[in-house]
C-alpha atoms as a PDB file:
ATOM      1  CA  MET A   1      -9.853  -2.880  -3.603  1.00  0.00           C
ATOM      2  CA  VAL A   2      -8.694  -6.056  -5.482  1.00  0.00           C
ATOM      3  CA  THR A   3      -6.085  -5.530  -7.797  1.00  0.00           C
ATOM      4  CA  VAL A   4      -4.437  -8.150 -10.614  1.00  0.00           C
ATOM      5  CA  LEU A   5      -1.377  -7.599 -12.617  1.00  0.00           C
ATOM      6  CA  ASP A   6      -2.735  -6.953 -16.317  1.00  0.00           C
ATOM      7  CA  SER A   7      -1.844  -4.571 -18.773  1.00  0.00           C
ATOM      8  CA  PRO A   8      -3.161  -2.040 -17.216  1.00  0.00           C
ATOM      9  CA  VAL A   9      -4.141  -3.195 -14.311  1.00  0.00           C
ATOM     10  CA  SER A  10      -7.445  -4.579 -13.242  1.00  0.00           C
ATOM     11  CA  TYR A  11      -9.288  -3.209 -10.773  1.00  0.00           C
ATOM     12  CA  TYR A  12     -11.950  -5.400  -8.543  1.00  0.00           C
ATOM     13  CA  LEU A  13     -14.424  -3.364  -5.844  1.00  0.00           C
ATOM     14  CA  PRO A  14     -15.353  -5.590  -2.739  1.00  0.00           C
ATOM     15  CA  PHE A  15     -18.900  -5.287  -2.075  1.00  0.00           C
ATOM     16  CA  ASP A  16     -20.241  -8.204   0.742  1.00  0.00           C
ATOM     17  CA  ASP A  17     -19.173 -11.942  -1.323  1.00  0.00           C
ATOM     18  CA  GLU A  18     -19.211  -9.486  -4.162  1.00  0.00           C
ATOM     19  CA  ARG A  19     -16.286  -7.847  -6.576  1.00  0.00           C
ATOM     20  CA  LEU A  20     -17.391  -5.441  -9.352  1.00  0.00           C
ATOM     21  CA  PHE A  21     -14.955  -5.015 -11.950  1.00  0.00           C
ATOM     22  CA  LEU A  22     -14.449  -1.843 -12.447  1.00  0.00           C
ATOM     23  CA  ASN A  23     -12.349  -0.949 -15.418  1.00  0.00           C
ATOM     24  CA  PRO A  24     -15.454  -1.179 -18.145  1.00  0.00           C
ATOM     25  CA  TYR A  25     -16.856   1.698 -16.015  1.00  0.00           C
ATOM     26  CA  ILE A  26     -13.836   3.835 -16.821  1.00  0.00           C
ATOM     27  CA  GLY A  27     -15.637   6.785 -18.949  1.00  0.00           C
ATOM     28  CA  LYS A  28     -18.623   6.433 -17.748  1.00  0.00           C
ATOM     29  CA  LYS A  29     -20.291   8.422 -15.044  1.00  0.00           C
ATOM     30  CA  ILE A  30     -21.019   6.454 -11.582  1.00  0.00           C
ATOM     31  CA  SER A  31     -21.908   7.127  -8.396  1.00  0.00           C
ATOM     32  CA  LEU A  32     -21.076   5.581  -4.589  1.00  0.00           C
ATOM     33  CA  HIS A  33     -23.828   6.928  -1.703  1.00  0.00           C
ATOM     34  CA  TYR A  34     -22.447   6.311   1.538  1.00  0.00           C
ATOM     35  CA  ARG A  35     -25.416   4.750   4.154  1.00  0.00           C
ATOM     36  CA  ALA A  36     -24.484   6.602   6.913  1.00  0.00           C
ATOM     37  CA  GLU A  37     -23.174   2.933   8.486  1.00  0.00           C
ATOM     38  CA  ILE A  38     -19.832   1.516   9.368  1.00  0.00           C
ATOM     39  CA  ASN A  39     -18.910  -2.063  10.455  1.00  0.00           C
ATOM     40  CA  CYS A  40     -15.577  -3.242  11.856  1.00  0.00           C
ATOM     41  CA  VAL A  41     -13.442  -4.670   9.408  1.00  0.00           C
ATOM     42  CA  ALA A  42     -11.999  -6.806  12.050  1.00  0.00           C
ATOM     43  CA  CYS A  43     -15.375  -7.815  14.509  1.00  0.00           C
ATOM     44  CA  GLY A  44     -18.244  -6.898  12.149  1.00  0.00           C
ATOM     45  CA  ARG A  45     -19.669  -4.616  15.101  1.00  0.00           C
ATOM     46  CA  LYS A  46     -21.019  -1.415  14.185  1.00  0.00           C
ATOM     47  CA  THR A  47     -19.120   1.835  14.984  1.00  0.00           C
ATOM     48  CA  ASN A  48     -19.342   5.644  14.852  1.00  0.00           C
ATOM     49  CA  LYS A  49     -16.096   6.225  13.618  1.00  0.00           C
ATOM     50  CA  SER A  50     -13.427   4.637  11.924  1.00  0.00           C
ATOM     51  CA  PHE A  51      -9.759   3.990  12.931  1.00  0.00           C
ATOM     52  CA  SER A  52      -7.384   3.212  10.757  1.00  0.00           C
ATOM     53  CA  GLN A  53      -8.986   2.139   7.948  1.00  0.00           C
ATOM     54  CA  GLY A  54     -12.258   0.207   8.957  1.00  0.00           C
ATOM     55  CA  TYR A  55     -11.713  -0.570  13.033  1.00  0.00           C
ATOM     56  CA  CYS A  56     -14.370   0.201  15.725  1.00  0.00           C
ATOM     57  CA  TYR A  57     -12.082   1.602  19.053  1.00  0.00           C
ATOM     58  CA  PRO A  58     -11.760  -1.740  21.062  1.00  0.00           C
ATOM     59  CA  CYS A  59     -10.272  -3.759  18.010  1.00  0.00           C
ATOM     60  CA  PHE A  60      -7.759  -0.510  17.056  1.00  0.00           C
ATOM     61  CA  LYS A  61      -6.484  -0.538  20.560  1.00  0.00           C
ATOM     62  CA  SER A  62      -6.438  -4.375  21.181  1.00  0.00           C
ATOM     63  CA  LEU A  63      -5.826  -5.573  17.456  1.00  0.00           C
ATOM     64  CA  ALA A  64      -1.623  -6.091  16.884  1.00  0.00           C
ATOM     65  CA  ARG A  65      -2.154  -5.075  12.486  1.00  0.00           C
ATOM     66  CA  CYS A  66      -3.468  -1.624  14.374  1.00  0.00           C
ATOM     67  CA  ASP A  67      -0.045  -1.167  16.481  1.00  0.00           C
ATOM     68  CA  MET A  68       2.558   1.514  15.566  1.00  0.00           C
ATOM     69  CA  CYS A  69       5.033  -1.077  14.694  1.00  0.00           C
ATOM     70  CA  ILE A  70       2.287  -1.464  11.349  1.00  0.00           C
ATOM     71  CA  MET A  71       3.656   1.678  10.589  1.00  0.00           C
ATOM     72  CA  LYS A  72       7.541   1.232  11.800  1.00  0.00           C
ATOM     73  CA  PRO A  73       8.566  -2.142  10.951  1.00  0.00           C
ATOM     74  CA  GLU A  74      11.712  -1.403  12.483  1.00  0.00           C
ATOM     75  CA  THR A  75      10.064  -1.187  16.181  1.00  0.00           C
ATOM     76  CA  CYS A  76       8.653  -4.601  15.774  1.00  0.00           C
ATOM     77  CA  HIS A  77       8.528  -6.042  19.218  1.00  0.00           C
ATOM     78  CA  TYR A  78       7.356  -9.675  18.811  1.00  0.00           C
ATOM     79  CA  PHE A  79      10.512 -10.994  19.440  1.00  0.00           C
ATOM     80  CA  GLU A  80      10.355  -9.115  23.004  1.00  0.00           C
ATOM     81  CA  GLY A  81       6.887 -11.102  23.729  1.00  0.00           C
ATOM     82  CA  THR A  82       5.014  -8.191  23.722  1.00  0.00           C
ATOM     83  CA  CYS A  83       2.948  -8.070  21.017  1.00  0.00           C
ATOM     84  CA  ARG A  84      -0.942  -7.610  21.032  1.00  0.00           C
ATOM     85  CA  GLU A  85      -1.814 -10.698  19.322  1.00  0.00           C
ATOM     86  CA  PRO A  86       1.321 -13.351  19.043  1.00  0.00           C
ATOM     87  CA  ASP A  87      -0.764 -15.920  16.993  1.00  0.00           C
ATOM     88  CA  TRP A  88      -1.157 -13.037  13.980  1.00  0.00           C
ATOM     89  CA  GLY A  89       2.150 -12.054  14.836  1.00  0.00           C
ATOM     90  CA  LYS A  90       3.329 -15.158  13.779  1.00  0.00           C
ATOM     91  CA  GLU A  91       1.505 -15.281  10.631  1.00  0.00           C
ATOM     92  CA  PHE A  92       2.496 -11.825   9.382  1.00  0.00           C
ATOM     93  CA  CYS A  93       5.257 -10.528  10.982  1.00  0.00           C
ATOM     94  CA  LEU A  94       7.653 -14.122  10.698  1.00  0.00           C
ATOM     95  CA  LYS A  95       7.255 -14.641   6.922  1.00  0.00           C
ATOM     96  CA  ASP A  96       9.463 -13.595   4.797  1.00  0.00           C
ATOM     97  CA  HIS A  97       9.568 -10.105   3.634  1.00  0.00           C
ATOM     98  CA  VAL A  98      10.706  -7.868   0.396  1.00  0.00           C
ATOM     99  CA  VAL A  99      12.655  -4.676   0.739  1.00  0.00           C
ATOM    100  CA  TYR A 100      12.343  -3.609  -2.600  1.00  0.00           C
ATOM    101  CA  LEU A 101      12.216   0.062  -4.730  1.00  0.00           C
ATOM    102  CA  ALA A 102       9.159   1.749  -6.249  1.00  0.00           C
ATOM    103  CA  ASN A 103       8.834   4.928  -8.738  1.00  0.00           C
ATOM    104  CA  SER A 104       5.355   6.367  -8.010  1.00  0.00           C
ATOM    105  CA  SER A 105       5.789   9.880  -7.120  1.00  0.00           C
ATOM    106  CA  GLY A 106       9.687   9.060  -7.619  1.00  0.00           C
ATOM    107  CA  VAL A 107      11.680   6.429  -6.312  1.00  0.00           C
ATOM    108  CA  LYS A 108      10.985   5.095  -2.666  1.00  0.00           C
ATOM    109  CA  VAL A 109      11.865   2.306  -0.227  1.00  0.00           C
ATOM    110  CA  GLY A 110       9.223   0.185   1.260  1.00  0.00           C
ATOM    111  CA  ILE A 111       9.083  -3.248   2.391  1.00  0.00           C
ATOM    112  CA  THR A 112       5.983  -5.602   2.156  1.00  0.00           C
ATOM    113  CA  ARG A 113       5.055  -9.425   2.803  1.00  0.00           C
ATOM    114  CA  GLY A 114       6.839 -11.731  -0.010  1.00  0.00           C
ATOM    115  CA  THR A 115       3.096 -12.316  -0.546  1.00  0.00           C
ATOM    116  CA  GLN A 116       1.720  -9.015  -1.300  1.00  0.00           C
ATOM    117  CA  ILE A 117       3.797  -8.608  -4.448  1.00  0.00           C
ATOM    118  CA  PRO A 118       3.070  -6.953  -6.486  1.00  0.00           C
ATOM    119  CA  THR A 119      -0.525  -5.856  -4.504  1.00  0.00           C
ATOM    120  CA  ARG A 120       1.932  -3.443  -2.123  1.00  0.00           C
ATOM    121  CA  TRP A 121       3.504  -1.936  -5.426  1.00  0.00           C
ATOM    122  CA  ILE A 122       0.123  -1.886  -6.848  1.00  0.00           C
ATOM    123  CA  ASP A 123      -1.503   0.049  -3.942  1.00  0.00           C
ATOM    124  CA  GLN A 124       1.134   2.776  -4.275  1.00  0.00           C
ATOM    125  CA  GLY A 125       0.400   3.330  -7.310  1.00  0.00           C
ATOM    126  CA  ALA A 126       4.319   2.660  -8.768  1.00  0.00           C
ATOM    127  CA  THR A 127       5.041   2.407 -12.305  1.00  0.00           C
ATOM    128  CA  GLN A 128       7.725   0.886 -11.497  1.00  0.00           C
ATOM    129  CA  ALA A 129       9.602  -1.658  -9.024  1.00  0.00           C
ATOM    130  CA  LEU A 130      12.123  -3.706  -7.815  1.00  0.00           C
ATOM    131  CA  PRO A 131      12.469  -6.110  -4.933  1.00  0.00           C
ATOM    132  CA  VAL A 132      16.108  -5.866  -3.521  1.00  0.00           C
ATOM    133  CA  PHE A 133      16.169  -8.160  -0.343  1.00  0.00           C
ATOM    134  CA  SER A 134      14.515 -11.077   0.767  1.00  0.00           C
ATOM    135  CA  VAL A 135      14.869 -11.212   4.332  1.00  0.00           C
ATOM    136  CA  ALA A 136      13.639 -13.883   7.374  1.00  0.00           C
ATOM    137  CA  ASN A 137      10.599 -11.626   9.199  1.00  0.00           C
ATOM    138  CA  ARG A 138       9.510  -7.698   9.108  1.00  0.00           C
ATOM    139  CA  LEU A 139      12.072  -6.610  11.876  1.00  0.00           C
ATOM    140  CA  ILE A 140      14.693  -7.653   9.798  1.00  0.00           C
ATOM    141  CA  SER A 141      12.896  -5.295   6.405  1.00  0.00           C
ATOM    142  CA  GLY A 142      12.658  -2.718   8.669  1.00  0.00           C
ATOM    143  CA  LYS A 143      15.920  -2.089   9.744  1.00  0.00           C
ATOM    144  CA  ILE A 144      17.241  -2.392   6.383  1.00  0.00           C
ATOM    145  CA  GLU A 145      14.215   0.110   5.208  1.00  0.00           C
ATOM    146  CA  MET A 146      15.456   2.210   7.595  1.00  0.00           C
ATOM    147  CA  ALA A 147      19.336   1.754   6.614  1.00  0.00           C
ATOM    148  CA  ILE A 148      18.431   2.789   2.714  1.00  0.00           C
ATOM    149  CA  LYS A 149      15.833   5.987   3.712  1.00  0.00           C
ATOM    150  CA  LYS A 150      18.737   7.582   5.009  1.00  0.00           C
ATOM    151  CA  HIS A 151      19.257   8.301   1.587  1.00  0.00           C
ATOM    152  CA  VAL A 152      15.778   8.077  -0.413  1.00  0.00           C
ATOM    153  CA  SER A 153      12.642   8.564   0.267  1.00  0.00           C
ATOM    154  CA  ASP A 154      10.321   5.985   1.922  1.00  0.00           C
ATOM    155  CA  ARG A 155       6.903   7.868   1.126  1.00  0.00           C
ATOM    156  CA  THR A 156       4.661   8.230  -1.933  1.00  0.00           C
ATOM    157  CA  ASP A 157       3.542  11.904  -2.464  1.00  0.00           C
ATOM    158  CA  TRP A 158      -0.005  10.862  -3.287  1.00  0.00           C
ATOM    159  CA  ARG A 159      -1.267  14.058  -4.882  1.00  0.00           C
ATOM    160  CA  LYS A 160       1.871  14.183  -7.563  1.00  0.00           C
ATOM    161  CA  MET A 161       0.867  10.307  -8.391  1.00  0.00           C
ATOM    162  CA  LEU A 162      -2.688  10.858  -8.948  1.00  0.00           C
ATOM    163  CA  LYS A 163      -1.346  13.727 -11.399  1.00  0.00           C
ATOM    164  CA  GLY A 164       0.095  11.862 -13.830  1.00  0.00           C
ATOM    165  CA  ILE A 165       2.814   9.112 -14.805  1.00  0.00           C
ATOM    166  CA  SER A 166       6.105   9.489 -12.885  1.00  0.00           C
ATOM    167  CA  ASP A 167       9.367   9.636 -15.117  1.00  0.00           C
ATOM    168  CA  GLU A 168      11.068   6.613 -15.979  1.00  0.00           C
ATOM    169  CA  VAL A 169      14.154   5.687 -13.811  1.00  0.00           C
ATOM    170  CA  ASP A 170      16.861   3.017 -13.838  1.00  0.00           C
ATOM    171  CA  LEU A 171      15.690   1.196 -10.709  1.00  0.00           C
ATOM    172  CA  VAL A 172      18.818  -1.098 -10.950  1.00  0.00           C
ATOM    173  CA  GLU A 173      21.212   1.619 -11.117  1.00  0.00           C
ATOM    174  CA  GLN A 174      19.831   3.177  -8.271  1.00  0.00           C
ATOM    175  CA  ARG A 175      19.453  -0.170  -6.123  1.00  0.00           C
ATOM    176  CA  ASP A 176      23.350  -0.352  -6.952  1.00  0.00           C
ATOM    177  CA  MET A 177      23.993   3.358  -5.817  1.00  0.00           C
ATOM    178  CA  LEU A 178      21.655   3.045  -2.762  1.00  0.00           C
ATOM    179  CA  LEU A 179      23.497   0.078  -1.760  1.00  0.00           C
ATOM    180  CA  SER A 180      26.847   1.462  -2.039  1.00  0.00           C
ATOM    181  CA  MET A 181      25.851   4.730   0.158  1.00  0.00           C
ATOM    182  CA  ALA A 182      24.112   2.535   2.645  1.00  0.00           C
ATOM    183  CA  ASP A 183      26.816  -0.114   2.793  1.00  0.00           C
ATOM    184  CA  ASN A 184      28.063   0.500   6.358  1.00  0.00           C
ATOM    185  CA  ASP A 185      25.058  -0.031   7.754  1.00  0.00           C
ATOM    186  CA  LEU A 186      23.932  -3.177   6.044  1.00  0.00           C
ATOM    187  CA  LYS A 187      27.375  -5.150   7.294  1.00  0.00           C
ATOM    188  CA  LEU A 188      26.144  -3.867  10.242  1.00  0.00           C
ATOM    189  CA  ILE A 189      22.607  -5.088   9.996  1.00  0.00           C
ATOM    190  CA  MET A 190      24.343  -7.929   8.536  1.00  0.00           C
ATOM    191  CA  GLU A 191      26.526  -8.921  11.370  1.00  0.00           C
ATOM    192  CA  GLU A 192      23.348  -8.388  14.101  1.00  0.00           C
ATOM    193  CA  VAL A 193      20.602 -10.669  12.610  1.00  0.00           C
ATOM    194  CA  GLY A 194      22.934 -12.971  10.764  1.00  0.00           C
ATOM    195  CA  VAL A 195      23.782 -13.014   6.814  1.00  0.00           C
ATOM    196  CA  GLU A 196      21.790 -16.211   6.703  1.00  0.00           C
ATOM    197  CA  ASN A 197      18.481 -14.223   6.988  1.00  0.00           C
ATOM    198  CA  ILE A 198      19.285 -11.393   4.466  1.00  0.00           C
ATOM    199  CA  LEU A 199      19.180 -11.993   0.745  1.00  0.00           C
ATOM    200  CA  LEU A 200      20.251 -10.015  -1.819  1.00  0.00           C
ATOM    201  CA  LEU A 201      18.160 -10.569  -4.674  1.00  0.00           C
ATOM    202  CA  SER A 202      20.892  -9.214  -7.121  1.00  0.00           C
ATOM    203  CA  ASP A 203      19.327 -10.791 -10.143  1.00  0.00           C
ATOM    204  CA  ALA A 204      15.543  -9.210 -10.177  1.00  0.00           C
ATOM    205  CA  LEU A 205      14.596  -7.550 -13.015  1.00  0.00           C
ATOM    206  CA  PRO A 206      11.853  -4.001 -12.693  1.00  0.00           C
ATOM    207  CA  VAL A 207       8.475  -4.622 -13.115  1.00  0.00           C
ATOM    208  CA  SER A 208       6.816  -2.081 -14.842  1.00  0.00           C
ATOM    209  CA  ILE A 209       3.223  -1.375 -13.966  1.00  0.00           C
ATOM    210  CA  LYS A 210       0.011   0.627 -16.319  1.00  0.00           C
ATOM    211  CA  TYR A 211      -2.996   1.730 -14.744  1.00  0.00           C
ATOM    212  CA  PRO A 212      -6.679   1.848 -16.522  1.00  0.00           C
ATOM    213  CA  VAL A 213      -6.696   5.690 -16.448  1.00  0.00           C
ATOM    214  CA  GLU A 214      -8.102   8.057 -19.532  1.00  0.00           C
ATOM    215  CA  HIS A 215      -7.483  11.322 -17.891  1.00  0.00           C
ATOM    216  CA  PHE A 216      -5.226  12.254 -14.927  1.00  0.00           C
ATOM    217  CA  PRO A 217      -6.732  15.634 -13.011  1.00  0.00           C
ATOM    218  CA  ASP A 218      -4.940  19.103 -13.112  1.00  0.00           C
ATOM    219  CA  LYS A 219      -6.087  19.441  -9.512  1.00  0.00           C
ATOM    220  CA  VAL A 220      -6.084  17.135  -7.184  1.00  0.00           C
ATOM    221  CA  LYS A 221      -9.819  17.276  -4.496  1.00  0.00           C
ATOM    222  CA  SER A 222     -10.276  14.569  -1.766  1.00  0.00           C
ATOM    223  CA  PHE A 223     -13.587  13.447  -1.103  1.00  0.00           C
ATOM    224  CA  ASN A 224     -14.267  11.785   2.577  1.00  0.00           C
ATOM    225  CA  PHE A 225     -17.365  10.079   3.141  1.00  0.00           C
ATOM    226  CA  ASP A 226     -17.601  11.677   6.715  1.00  0.00           C
ATOM    227  CA  LYS A 227     -18.300  14.552   4.733  1.00  0.00           C
ATOM    228  CA  THR A 228     -19.796  13.904   1.617  1.00  0.00           C
ATOM    229  CA  GLU A 229     -22.505  11.107   1.391  1.00  0.00           C
ATOM    230  CA  ILE A 230     -22.761  11.092  -2.088  1.00  0.00           C
ATOM    231  CA  VAL A 231     -19.828  10.996  -4.178  1.00  0.00           C
ATOM    232  CA  GLU A 232     -20.701  11.042  -8.160  1.00  0.00           C
ATOM    233  CA  GLY A 233     -18.628  11.936 -11.534  1.00  0.00           C
ATOM    234  CA  ILE A 234     -17.480  10.696 -15.020  1.00  0.00           C
ATOM    235  CA  LEU A 235     -14.413   7.276 -13.745  1.00  0.00           C
ATOM    236  CA  GLN A 236     -11.782   9.249 -15.201  1.00  0.00           C
ATOM    237  CA  GLY A 237      -9.161   6.296 -13.982  1.00  0.00           C
ATOM    238  CA  VAL A 238      -8.077   3.962 -11.199  1.00  0.00           C
ATOM    239  CA  LYS A 239      -4.351   4.413  -9.735  1.00  0.00           C
ATOM    240  CA  GLY A 240      -3.079   3.346  -6.267  1.00  0.00           C
ATOM    241  CA  GLN A 241      -6.365   2.690  -4.490  1.00  0.00           C
ATOM    242  CA  TYR A 242      -8.089   6.457  -5.633  1.00  0.00           C
ATOM    243  CA  LEU A 243     -11.418   6.327  -7.817  1.00  0.00           C
ATOM    244  CA  MET A 244     -10.154   9.215 -10.417  1.00  0.00           C
ATOM    245  CA  LEU A 245     -13.163  11.214 -11.178  1.00  0.00           C
ATOM    246  CA  ASP A 246     -14.021  14.527 -13.415  1.00  0.00           C
ATOM    247  CA  THR A 247     -15.355  15.781  -9.835  1.00  0.00           C
ATOM    248  CA  GLY A 248     -12.291  14.730  -7.601  1.00  0.00           C
ATOM    249  CA  VAL A 249     -10.458  11.817  -5.782  1.00  0.00           C
ATOM    250  CA  LEU A 250     -11.764   8.701  -3.352  1.00  0.00           C
ATOM    251  CA  ASN A 251      -8.935   6.655  -1.260  1.00  0.00           C
ATOM    252  CA  ILE A 252     -11.614   3.649  -1.467  1.00  0.00           C
ATOM    253  CA  ARG A 253      -8.982   1.977   1.119  1.00  0.00           C
ATOM    254  CA  LYS A 254      -9.489   4.919   3.696  1.00  0.00           C
ATOM    255  CA  PHE A 255     -13.359   3.902   3.804  1.00  0.00           C
ATOM    256  CA  GLY A 256     -12.700   0.122   4.618  1.00  0.00           C
ATOM    257  CA  GLY A 257     -16.185  -1.273   6.516  1.00  0.00           C
ATOM    258  CA  TYR A 258     -18.374   1.739   5.322  1.00  0.00           C
ATOM    259  CA  LEU A 259     -22.239   1.096   3.649  1.00  0.00           C
ATOM    260  CA  VAL A 260     -22.023   2.209  -0.051  1.00  0.00           C
ATOM    261  CA  ASP A 261     -24.344   1.544  -3.011  1.00  0.00           C
ATOM    262  CA  PHE A 262     -22.834   1.844  -6.252  1.00  0.00           C
ATOM    263  CA  GLU A 263     -24.767   2.661  -9.154  1.00  0.00           C
ATOM    264  CA  SER A 264     -24.149   3.777 -13.169  1.00  0.00           C
END
């Protein structure tokens, strides 16, 4: 889903060249009907199975955006000359990245391209976020994330995230504590990559994010279009990349490339 940081967040569901504004449908019954067709989000060809959230198998095996280093940025191998798509890597991985703290199902550390803020925070369902470092490329951000995640999680518990609003925390205090704990590792990284490639965002302020939710589920039941062709119910809210219905939740991002009809 496409998002805009409003209060609450504005959500748009993409259909071909159109975008459906979802917020007005909260509190109403909606139906999504999967038409048993998947088109690769990269090349457009039809595929019987989706890989890595919307890719056909040939693209999954050949595209850099489907490589393991996307999940583990500290393993970025562009500078080794083995990137599957050097031009893509130059455009996406050799850009400024931000290391941040977010509060989604609790405090976590994460990384994203500078241009993906605040989108990345919204996608994770964070209610608070704070940029900590701006660095020269993805590999450096991964190294710093590795140093900090020795002391705090780098994952979101999506079930916990969907059950309510996380208790507010002082992210500036958390940042200072984690920087102190990771100080030795961070100094080694700076010596390795050069201090000029790492900027501590000491003056950054936390961002608060509100989501369009009328009711959080007591139990989280997840829908899967590969098993259920029709998903319907009262739309009770949207958080992260999830539609929250009174009948269950649906991770929209997981089903990129799926041909789906929307009715209300």
